[in-house]
Amino acid sequence: LGESGGGLVQAGGSLRLSCAASGR
């Protein structure tokens, strides 16, 4: 598994994290 999408955001804001998986 590998996560992405984090960062710095102000209170009240939004973020979307993704977790990509290898394997069938």
mmCIF file of all heavy atoms, coordinates in Angstrom:
data_MODEL
# 
_entry.id   MODEL 
# 
loop_
_atom_site.group_PDB 
_atom_site.id 
_atom_site.type_symbol 
_atom_site.label_atom_id 
_atom_site.label_alt_id 
_atom_site.label_comp_id 
_atom_site.label_asym_id 
_atom_site.label_entity_id 
_atom_site.label_seq_id 
_atom_site.pdbx_PDB_ins_code 
_atom_site.Cartn_x 
_atom_site.Cartn_y 
_atom_site.Cartn_z 
_atom_site.occupancy 
_atom_site.B_iso_or_equiv 
_atom_site.pdbx_formal_charge 
_atom_site.auth_seq_id 
_atom_site.auth_comp_id 
_atom_site.auth_asym_id 
_atom_site.auth_atom_id 
_atom_site.pdbx_PDB_model_num 
ATOM 1   N N   . LEU A 1 1  ? 0.826   -1.203  0.000   1.00 0.00 ? 1  LEU A N   1 
ATOM 2   C CA  . LEU A 1 1  ? 0.000   0.000   0.000   1.00 0.00 ? 1  LEU A CA  1 
ATOM 3   C C   . LEU A 1 1  ? 0.861   1.254   0.000   1.00 0.00 ? 1  LEU A C   1 
ATOM 4   O O   . LEU A 1 1  ? 1.932   1.284   0.621   1.00 0.00 ? 1  LEU A O   1 
ATOM 5   C CB  . LEU A 1 1  ? -0.896  0.008   1.243   1.00 0.00 ? 1  LEU A CB  1 
ATOM 6   C CG  . LEU A 1 1  ? -1.788  -1.223  1.433   1.00 0.00 ? 1  LEU A CG  1 
ATOM 7   C CD1 . LEU A 1 1  ? -2.499  -1.156  2.776   1.00 0.00 ? 1  LEU A CD1 1 
ATOM 8   C CD2 . LEU A 1 1  ? -2.789  -1.327  0.299   1.00 0.00 ? 1  LEU A CD2 1 
ATOM 9   N N   . GLY A 1 2  ? 0.363   2.297   -0.664  1.00 0.00 ? 2  GLY A N   1 
ATOM 10  C CA  . GLY A 1 2  ? 1.054   3.571   -0.676  1.00 0.00 ? 2  GLY A CA  1 
ATOM 11  C C   . GLY A 1 2  ? 0.065   4.717   -0.608  1.00 0.00 ? 2  GLY A C   1 
ATOM 12  O O   . GLY A 1 2  ? -0.821  4.823   -1.465  1.00 0.00 ? 2  GLY A O   1 
ATOM 13  N N   . GLU A 1 3  ? 0.194   5.561   0.421   1.00 0.00 ? 3  GLU A N   1 
ATOM 14  C CA  . GLU A 1 3  ? -0.714  6.679   0.610   1.00 0.00 ? 3  GLU A CA  1 
ATOM 15  C C   . GLU A 1 3  ? -0.189  7.933   -0.080  1.00 0.00 ? 3  GLU A C   1 
ATOM 16  O O   . GLU A 1 3  ? 1.016   8.119   -0.236  1.00 0.00 ? 3  GLU A O   1 
ATOM 17  C CB  . GLU A 1 3  ? -0.890  6.996   2.107   1.00 0.00 ? 3  GLU A CB  1 
ATOM 18  C CG  . GLU A 1 3  ? -1.413  5.860   2.948   1.00 0.00 ? 3  GLU A CG  1 
ATOM 19  C CD  . GLU A 1 3  ? -0.304  5.027   3.555   1.00 0.00 ? 3  GLU A CD  1 
ATOM 20  O OE1 . GLU A 1 3  ? 0.826   5.044   3.017   1.00 0.00 ? 3  GLU A OE1 1 
ATOM 21  O OE2 . GLU A 1 3  ? -0.548  4.346   4.576   1.00 0.00 ? 3  GLU A OE2 1 
ATOM 22  N N   . SER A 1 4  ? -1.107  8.821   -0.456  1.00 0.00 ? 4  SER A N   1 
ATOM 23  C CA  . SER A 1 4  ? -0.771  10.118  -1.024  1.00 0.00 ? 4  SER A CA  1 
ATOM 24  C C   . SER A 1 4  ? -1.912  11.081  -0.763  1.00 0.00 ? 4  SER A C   1 
ATOM 25  O O   . SER A 1 4  ? -2.997  10.667  -0.341  1.00 0.00 ? 4  SER A O   1 
ATOM 26  C CB  . SER A 1 4  ? -0.505  10.014  -2.530  1.00 0.00 ? 4  SER A CB  1 
ATOM 27  O OG  . SER A 1 4  ? -1.658  9.557   -3.206  1.00 0.00 ? 4  SER A OG  1 
ATOM 28  N N   . GLY A 1 5  ? -1.648  12.360  -1.006  1.00 0.00 ? 5  GLY A N   1 
ATOM 29  C CA  . GLY A 1 5  ? -2.697  13.362  -0.890  1.00 0.00 ? 5  GLY A CA  1 
ATOM 30  C C   . GLY A 1 5  ? -2.646  14.227  0.353   1.00 0.00 ? 5  GLY A C   1 
ATOM 31  O O   . GLY A 1 5  ? -3.454  15.140  0.505   1.00 0.00 ? 5  GLY A O   1 
ATOM 32  N N   . GLY A 1 6  ? -1.713  13.923  1.251   1.00 0.00 ? 6  GLY A N   1 
ATOM 33  C CA  . GLY A 1 6  ? -1.595  14.751  2.438   1.00 0.00 ? 6  GLY A CA  1 
ATOM 34  C C   . GLY A 1 6  ? -1.048  16.131  2.111   1.00 0.00 ? 6  GLY A C   1 
ATOM 35  O O   . GLY A 1 6  ? -0.620  16.404  0.989   1.00 0.00 ? 6  GLY A O   1 
ATOM 36  N N   . GLY A 1 7  ? -1.060  16.996  3.109   1.00 0.00 ? 7  GLY A N   1 
ATOM 37  C CA  . GLY A 1 7  ? -0.535  18.337  2.916   1.00 0.00 ? 7  GLY A CA  1 
ATOM 38  C C   . GLY A 1 7  ? -0.934  19.260  4.044   1.00 0.00 ? 7  GLY A C   1 
ATOM 39  O O   . GLY A 1 7  ? -1.419  18.816  5.095   1.00 0.00 ? 7  GLY A O   1 
ATOM 40  N N   . LEU A 1 8  ? -0.725  20.548  3.813   1.00 0.00 ? 8  LEU A N   1 
ATOM 41  C CA  . LEU A 1 8  ? -1.065  21.585  4.784   1.00 0.00 ? 8  LEU A CA  1 
ATOM 42  C C   . LEU A 1 8  ? -2.334  22.276  4.332   1.00 0.00 ? 8  LEU A C   1 
ATOM 43  O O   . LEU A 1 8  ? -2.447  22.715  3.174   1.00 0.00 ? 8  LEU A O   1 
ATOM 44  C CB  . LEU A 1 8  ? 0.081   22.597  4.870   1.00 0.00 ? 8  LEU A CB  1 
ATOM 45  C CG  . LEU A 1 8  ? -0.156  23.844  5.736   1.00 0.00 ? 8  LEU A CG  1 
ATOM 46  C CD1 . LEU A 1 8  ? -0.359  23.452  7.192   1.00 0.00 ? 8  LEU A CD1 1 
ATOM 47  C CD2 . LEU A 1 8  ? 1.021   24.810  5.584   1.00 0.00 ? 8  LEU A CD2 1 
ATOM 48  N N   . VAL A 1 9  ? -3.298  22.391  5.244   1.00 0.00 ? 9  VAL A N   1 
ATOM 49  C CA  . VAL A 1 9  ? -4.575  23.005  4.920   1.00 0.00 ? 9  VAL A CA  1 
ATOM 50  C C   . VAL A 1 9  ? -5.043  23.808  6.122   1.00 0.00 ? 9  VAL A C   1 
ATOM 51  O O   . VAL A 1 9  ? -4.708  23.474  7.269   1.00 0.00 ? 9  VAL A O   1 
ATOM 52  C CB  . VAL A 1 9  ? -5.607  21.929  4.518   1.00 0.00 ? 9  VAL A CB  1 
ATOM 53  C CG1 . VAL A 1 9  ? -5.887  20.984  5.664   1.00 0.00 ? 9  VAL A CG1 1 
ATOM 54  C CG2 . VAL A 1 9  ? -6.884  22.544  3.977   1.00 0.00 ? 9  VAL A CG2 1 
ATOM 55  N N   . GLN A 1 10 ? -5.804  24.864  5.863   1.00 0.00 ? 10 GLN A N   1 
ATOM 56  C CA  . GLN A 1 10 ? -6.356  25.655  6.958   1.00 0.00 ? 10 GLN A CA  1 
ATOM 57  C C   . GLN A 1 10 ? -7.570  24.970  7.562   1.00 0.00 ? 10 GLN A C   1 
ATOM 58  O O   . GLN A 1 10 ? -8.246  24.168  6.893   1.00 0.00 ? 10 GLN A O   1 
ATOM 59  C CB  . GLN A 1 10 ? -6.752  27.036  6.452   1.00 0.00 ? 10 GLN A CB  1 
ATOM 60  C CG  . GLN A 1 10 ? -5.576  27.942  6.124   1.00 0.00 ? 10 GLN A CG  1 
ATOM 61  C CD  . GLN A 1 10 ? -6.003  29.364  5.825   1.00 0.00 ? 10 GLN A CD  1 
ATOM 62  O OE1 . GLN A 1 10 ? -7.119  29.596  5.359   1.00 0.00 ? 10 GLN A OE1 1 
ATOM 63  N NE2 . GLN A 1 10 ? -5.123  30.315  6.078   1.00 0.00 ? 10 GLN A NE2 1 
ATOM 64  N N   . ALA A 1 11 ? -7.840  25.268  8.809   1.00 0.00 ? 11 ALA A N   1 
ATOM 65  C CA  . ALA A 1 11 ? -9.020  24.726  9.468   1.00 0.00 ? 11 ALA A CA  1 
ATOM 66  C C   . ALA A 1 11 ? -10.265 25.061  8.650   1.00 0.00 ? 11 ALA A C   1 
ATOM 67  O O   . ALA A 1 11 ? -10.406 26.168  8.131   1.00 0.00 ? 11 ALA A O   1 
ATOM 68  C CB  . ALA A 1 11 ? -9.143  25.290  10.869  1.00 0.00 ? 11 ALA A CB  1 
ATOM 69  N N   . GLY A 1 12 ? -11.143 24.071  8.531   1.00 0.00 ? 12 GLY A N   1 
ATOM 70  C CA  . GLY A 1 12 ? -12.334 24.218  7.716   1.00 0.00 ? 12 GLY A CA  1 
ATOM 71  C C   . GLY A 1 12 ? -12.161 23.754  6.282   1.00 0.00 ? 12 GLY A C   1 
ATOM 72  O O   . GLY A 1 12 ? -13.149 23.627  5.548   1.00 0.00 ? 12 GLY A O   1 
ATOM 73  N N   . GLY A 1 13 ? -10.929 23.500  5.895   1.00 0.00 ? 13 GLY A N   1 
ATOM 74  C CA  . GLY A 1 13 ? -10.648 23.062  4.527   1.00 0.00 ? 13 GLY A CA  1 
ATOM 75  C C   . GLY A 1 13 ? -10.837 21.572  4.335   1.00 0.00 ? 13 GLY A C   1 
ATOM 76  O O   . GLY A 1 13 ? -11.310 20.866  5.236   1.00 0.00 ? 13 GLY A O   1 
ATOM 77  N N   . SER A 1 14 ? -10.471 21.114  3.138   1.00 0.00 ? 14 SER A N   1 
ATOM 78  C CA  . SER A 1 14 ? -10.681 19.720  2.757   1.00 0.00 ? 14 SER A CA  1 
ATOM 79  C C   . SER A 1 14 ? -9.415  19.141  2.128   1.00 0.00 ? 14 SER A C   1 
ATOM 80  O O   . SER A 1 14 ? -8.608  19.872  1.537   1.00 0.00 ? 14 SER A O   1 
ATOM 81  C CB  . SER A 1 14 ? -11.825 19.593  1.748   1.00 0.00 ? 14 SER A CB  1 
ATOM 82  O OG  . SER A 1 14 ? -13.045 20.041  2.289   1.00 0.00 ? 14 SER A OG  1 
ATOM 83  N N   . LEU A 1 15 ? -9.285  17.848  2.257   1.00 0.00 ? 15 LEU A N   1 
ATOM 84  C CA  . LEU A 1 15 ? -8.242  17.082  1.576   1.00 0.00 ? 15 LEU A CA  1 
ATOM 85  C C   . LEU A 1 15 ? -8.823  15.725  1.212   1.00 0.00 ? 15 LEU A C   1 
ATOM 86  O O   . LEU A 1 15 ? -9.719  15.221  1.897   1.00 0.00 ? 15 LEU A O   1 
ATOM 87  C CB  . LEU A 1 15 ? -7.022  16.861  2.468   1.00 0.00 ? 15 LEU A CB  1 
ATOM 88  C CG  . LEU A 1 15 ? -6.020  17.997  2.665   1.00 0.00 ? 15 LEU A CG  1 
ATOM 89  C CD1 . LEU A 1 15 ? -4.976  17.586  3.693   1.00 0.00 ? 15 LEU A CD1 1 
ATOM 90  C CD2 . LEU A 1 15 ? -5.362  18.391  1.358   1.00 0.00 ? 15 LEU A CD2 1 
ATOM 91  N N   . ARG A 1 16 ? -8.300  15.133  0.147   1.00 0.00 ? 16 ARG A N   1 
ATOM 92  C CA  . ARG A 1 16 ? -8.648  13.758  -0.185  1.00 0.00 ? 16 ARG A CA  1 
ATOM 93  C C   . ARG A 1 16 ? -7.383  12.922  -0.224  1.00 0.00 ? 16 ARG A C   1 
ATOM 94  O O   . ARG A 1 16 ? -6.481  13.190  -1.027  1.00 0.00 ? 16 ARG A O   1 
ATOM 95  C CB  . ARG A 1 16 ? -9.381  13.648  -1.519  1.00 0.00 ? 16 ARG A CB  1 
ATOM 96  C CG  . ARG A 1 16 ? -9.922  12.241  -1.757  1.00 0.00 ? 16 ARG A CG  1 
ATOM 97  C CD  . ARG A 1 16 ? -10.740 12.104  -3.017  1.00 0.00 ? 16 ARG A CD  1 
ATOM 98  N NE  . ARG A 1 16 ? -9.906  11.913  -4.202  1.00 0.00 ? 16 ARG A NE  1 
ATOM 99  C CZ  . ARG A 1 16 ? -10.316 11.300  -5.311  1.00 0.00 ? 16 ARG A CZ  1 
ATOM 100 N NH1 . ARG A 1 16 ? -11.540 10.807  -5.375  1.00 0.00 ? 16 ARG A NH1 1 
ATOM 101 N NH2 . ARG A 1 16 ? -9.513  11.207  -6.346  1.00 0.00 ? 16 ARG A NH2 1 
ATOM 102 N N   . LEU A 1 17 ? -7.333  11.940  0.624   1.00 0.00 ? 17 LEU A N   1 
ATOM 103 C CA  . LEU A 1 17 ? -6.214  11.006  0.652   1.00 0.00 ? 17 LEU A CA  1 
ATOM 104 C C   . LEU A 1 17 ? -6.527  9.810   -0.240  1.00 0.00 ? 17 LEU A C   1 
ATOM 105 O O   . LEU A 1 17 ? -7.677  9.389   -0.352  1.00 0.00 ? 17 LEU A O   1 
ATOM 106 C CB  . LEU A 1 17 ? -5.949  10.523  2.076   1.00 0.00 ? 17 LEU A CB  1 
ATOM 107 C CG  . LEU A 1 17 ? -5.735  11.597  3.139   1.00 0.00 ? 17 LEU A CG  1 
ATOM 108 C CD1 . LEU A 1 17 ? -5.404  10.930  4.472   1.00 0.00 ? 17 LEU A CD1 1 
ATOM 109 C CD2 . LEU A 1 17 ? -4.658  12.572  2.737   1.00 0.00 ? 17 LEU A CD2 1 
ATOM 110 N N   . SER A 1 18 ? -5.475  9.287   -0.850  1.00 0.00 ? 18 SER A N   1 
ATOM 111 C CA  . SER A 1 18 ? -5.596  8.087   -1.668  1.00 0.00 ? 18 SER A CA  1 
ATOM 112 C C   . SER A 1 18 ? -4.646  7.029   -1.137  1.00 0.00 ? 18 SER A C   1 
ATOM 113 O O   . SER A 1 18 ? -3.572  7.346   -0.632  1.00 0.00 ? 18 SER A O   1 
ATOM 114 C CB  . SER A 1 18 ? -5.250  8.386   -3.130  1.00 0.00 ? 18 SER A CB  1 
ATOM 115 O OG  . SER A 1 18 ? -6.133  9.335   -3.680  1.00 0.00 ? 18 SER A OG  1 
ATOM 116 N N   . CYS A 1 19 ? -5.049  5.796   -1.286  1.00 0.00 ? 19 CYS A N   1 
ATOM 117 C CA  . CYS A 1 19 ? -4.214  4.653   -0.914  1.00 0.00 ? 19 CYS A CA  1 
ATOM 118 C C   . CYS A 1 19 ? -4.248  3.676   -2.082  1.00 0.00 ? 19 CYS A C   1 
ATOM 119 O O   . CYS A 1 19 ? -5.276  3.036   -2.330  1.00 0.00 ? 19 CYS A O   1 
ATOM 120 C CB  . CYS A 1 19 ? -4.737  4.013   0.358   1.00 0.00 ? 19 CYS A CB  1 
ATOM 121 S SG  . CYS A 1 19 ? -3.907  2.466   0.809   1.00 0.00 ? 19 CYS A SG  1 
ATOM 122 N N   . ALA A 1 20 ? -3.138  3.607   -2.790  1.00 0.00 ? 20 ALA A N   1 
ATOM 123 C CA  . ALA A 1 20 ? -3.039  2.721   -3.943  1.00 0.00 ? 20 ALA A CA  1 
ATOM 124 C C   . ALA A 1 20 ? -2.457  1.381   -3.514  1.00 0.00 ? 20 ALA A C   1 
ATOM 125 O O   . ALA A 1 20 ? -1.480  1.325   -2.756  1.00 0.00 ? 20 ALA A O   1 
ATOM 126 C CB  . ALA A 1 20 ? -2.160  3.354   -5.011  1.00 0.00 ? 20 ALA A CB  1 
ATOM 127 N N   . ALA A 1 21 ? -3.057  0.320   -4.010  1.00 0.00 ? 21 ALA A N   1 
ATOM 128 C CA  . ALA A 1 21 ? -2.643  -1.028  -3.630  1.00 0.00 ? 21 ALA A CA  1 
ATOM 129 C C   . ALA A 1 21 ? -2.112  -1.796  -4.829  1.00 0.00 ? 21 ALA A C   1 
ATOM 130 O O   . ALA A 1 21 ? -2.624  -1.662  -5.945  1.00 0.00 ? 21 ALA A O   1 
ATOM 131 C CB  . ALA A 1 21 ? -3.817  -1.782  -3.023  1.00 0.00 ? 21 ALA A CB  1 
ATOM 132 N N   . SER A 1 22 ? -1.095  -2.570  -4.581  1.00 0.00 ? 22 SER A N   1 
ATOM 133 C CA  . SER A 1 22 ? -0.610  -3.495  -5.597  1.00 0.00 ? 22 SER A CA  1 
ATOM 134 C C   . SER A 1 22 ? -1.176  -4.877  -5.298  1.00 0.00 ? 22 SER A C   1 
ATOM 135 O O   . SER A 1 22 ? -1.570  -5.158  -4.168  1.00 0.00 ? 22 SER A O   1 
ATOM 136 C CB  . SER A 1 22 ? 0.916   -3.563  -5.586  1.00 0.00 ? 22 SER A CB  1 
ATOM 137 O OG  . SER A 1 22 ? 1.368   -4.087  -4.352  1.00 0.00 ? 22 SER A OG  1 
ATOM 138 N N   . GLY A 1 23 ? -1.240  -5.725  -6.297  1.00 0.00 ? 23 GLY A N   1 
ATOM 139 C CA  . GLY A 1 23 ? -1.736  -7.076  -6.073  1.00 0.00 ? 23 GLY A CA  1 
ATOM 140 C C   . GLY A 1 23 ? -3.149  -7.262  -6.593  1.00 0.00 ? 23 GLY A C   1 
ATOM 141 O O   . GLY A 1 23 ? -3.969  -6.345  -6.556  1.00 0.00 ? 23 GLY A O   1 
ATOM 142 N N   . ARG A 1 24 ? -3.420  -8.457  -7.053  1.00 0.00 ? 24 ARG A N   1 
ATOM 143 C CA  . ARG A 1 24 ? -4.705  -8.729  -7.684  1.00 0.00 ? 24 ARG A CA  1 
ATOM 144 C C   . ARG A 1 24 ? -5.816  -9.028  -6.690  1.00 0.00 ? 24 ARG A C   1 
ATOM 145 O O   . ARG A 1 24 ? -6.956  -9.158  -7.073  1.00 0.00 ? 24 ARG A O   1 
ATOM 146 C CB  . ARG A 1 24 ? -4.554  -9.912  -8.640  1.00 0.00 ? 24 ARG A CB  1 
ATOM 147 C CG  . ARG A 1 24 ? -3.683  -9.599  -9.850  1.00 0.00 ? 24 ARG A CG  1 
ATOM 148 C CD  . ARG A 1 24 ? -3.469  -10.840 -10.685 1.00 0.00 ? 24 ARG A CD  1 
ATOM 149 N NE  . ARG A 1 24 ? -2.629  -11.807 -10.009 1.00 0.00 ? 24 ARG A NE  1 
ATOM 150 C CZ  . ARG A 1 24 ? -2.315  -12.987 -10.522 1.00 0.00 ? 24 ARG A CZ  1 
ATOM 151 N NH1 . ARG A 1 24 ? -2.798  -13.363 -11.694 1.00 0.00 ? 24 ARG A NH1 1 
ATOM 152 N NH2 . ARG A 1 24 ? -1.532  -13.814 -9.850  1.00 0.00 ? 24 ARG A NH2 1 
# 
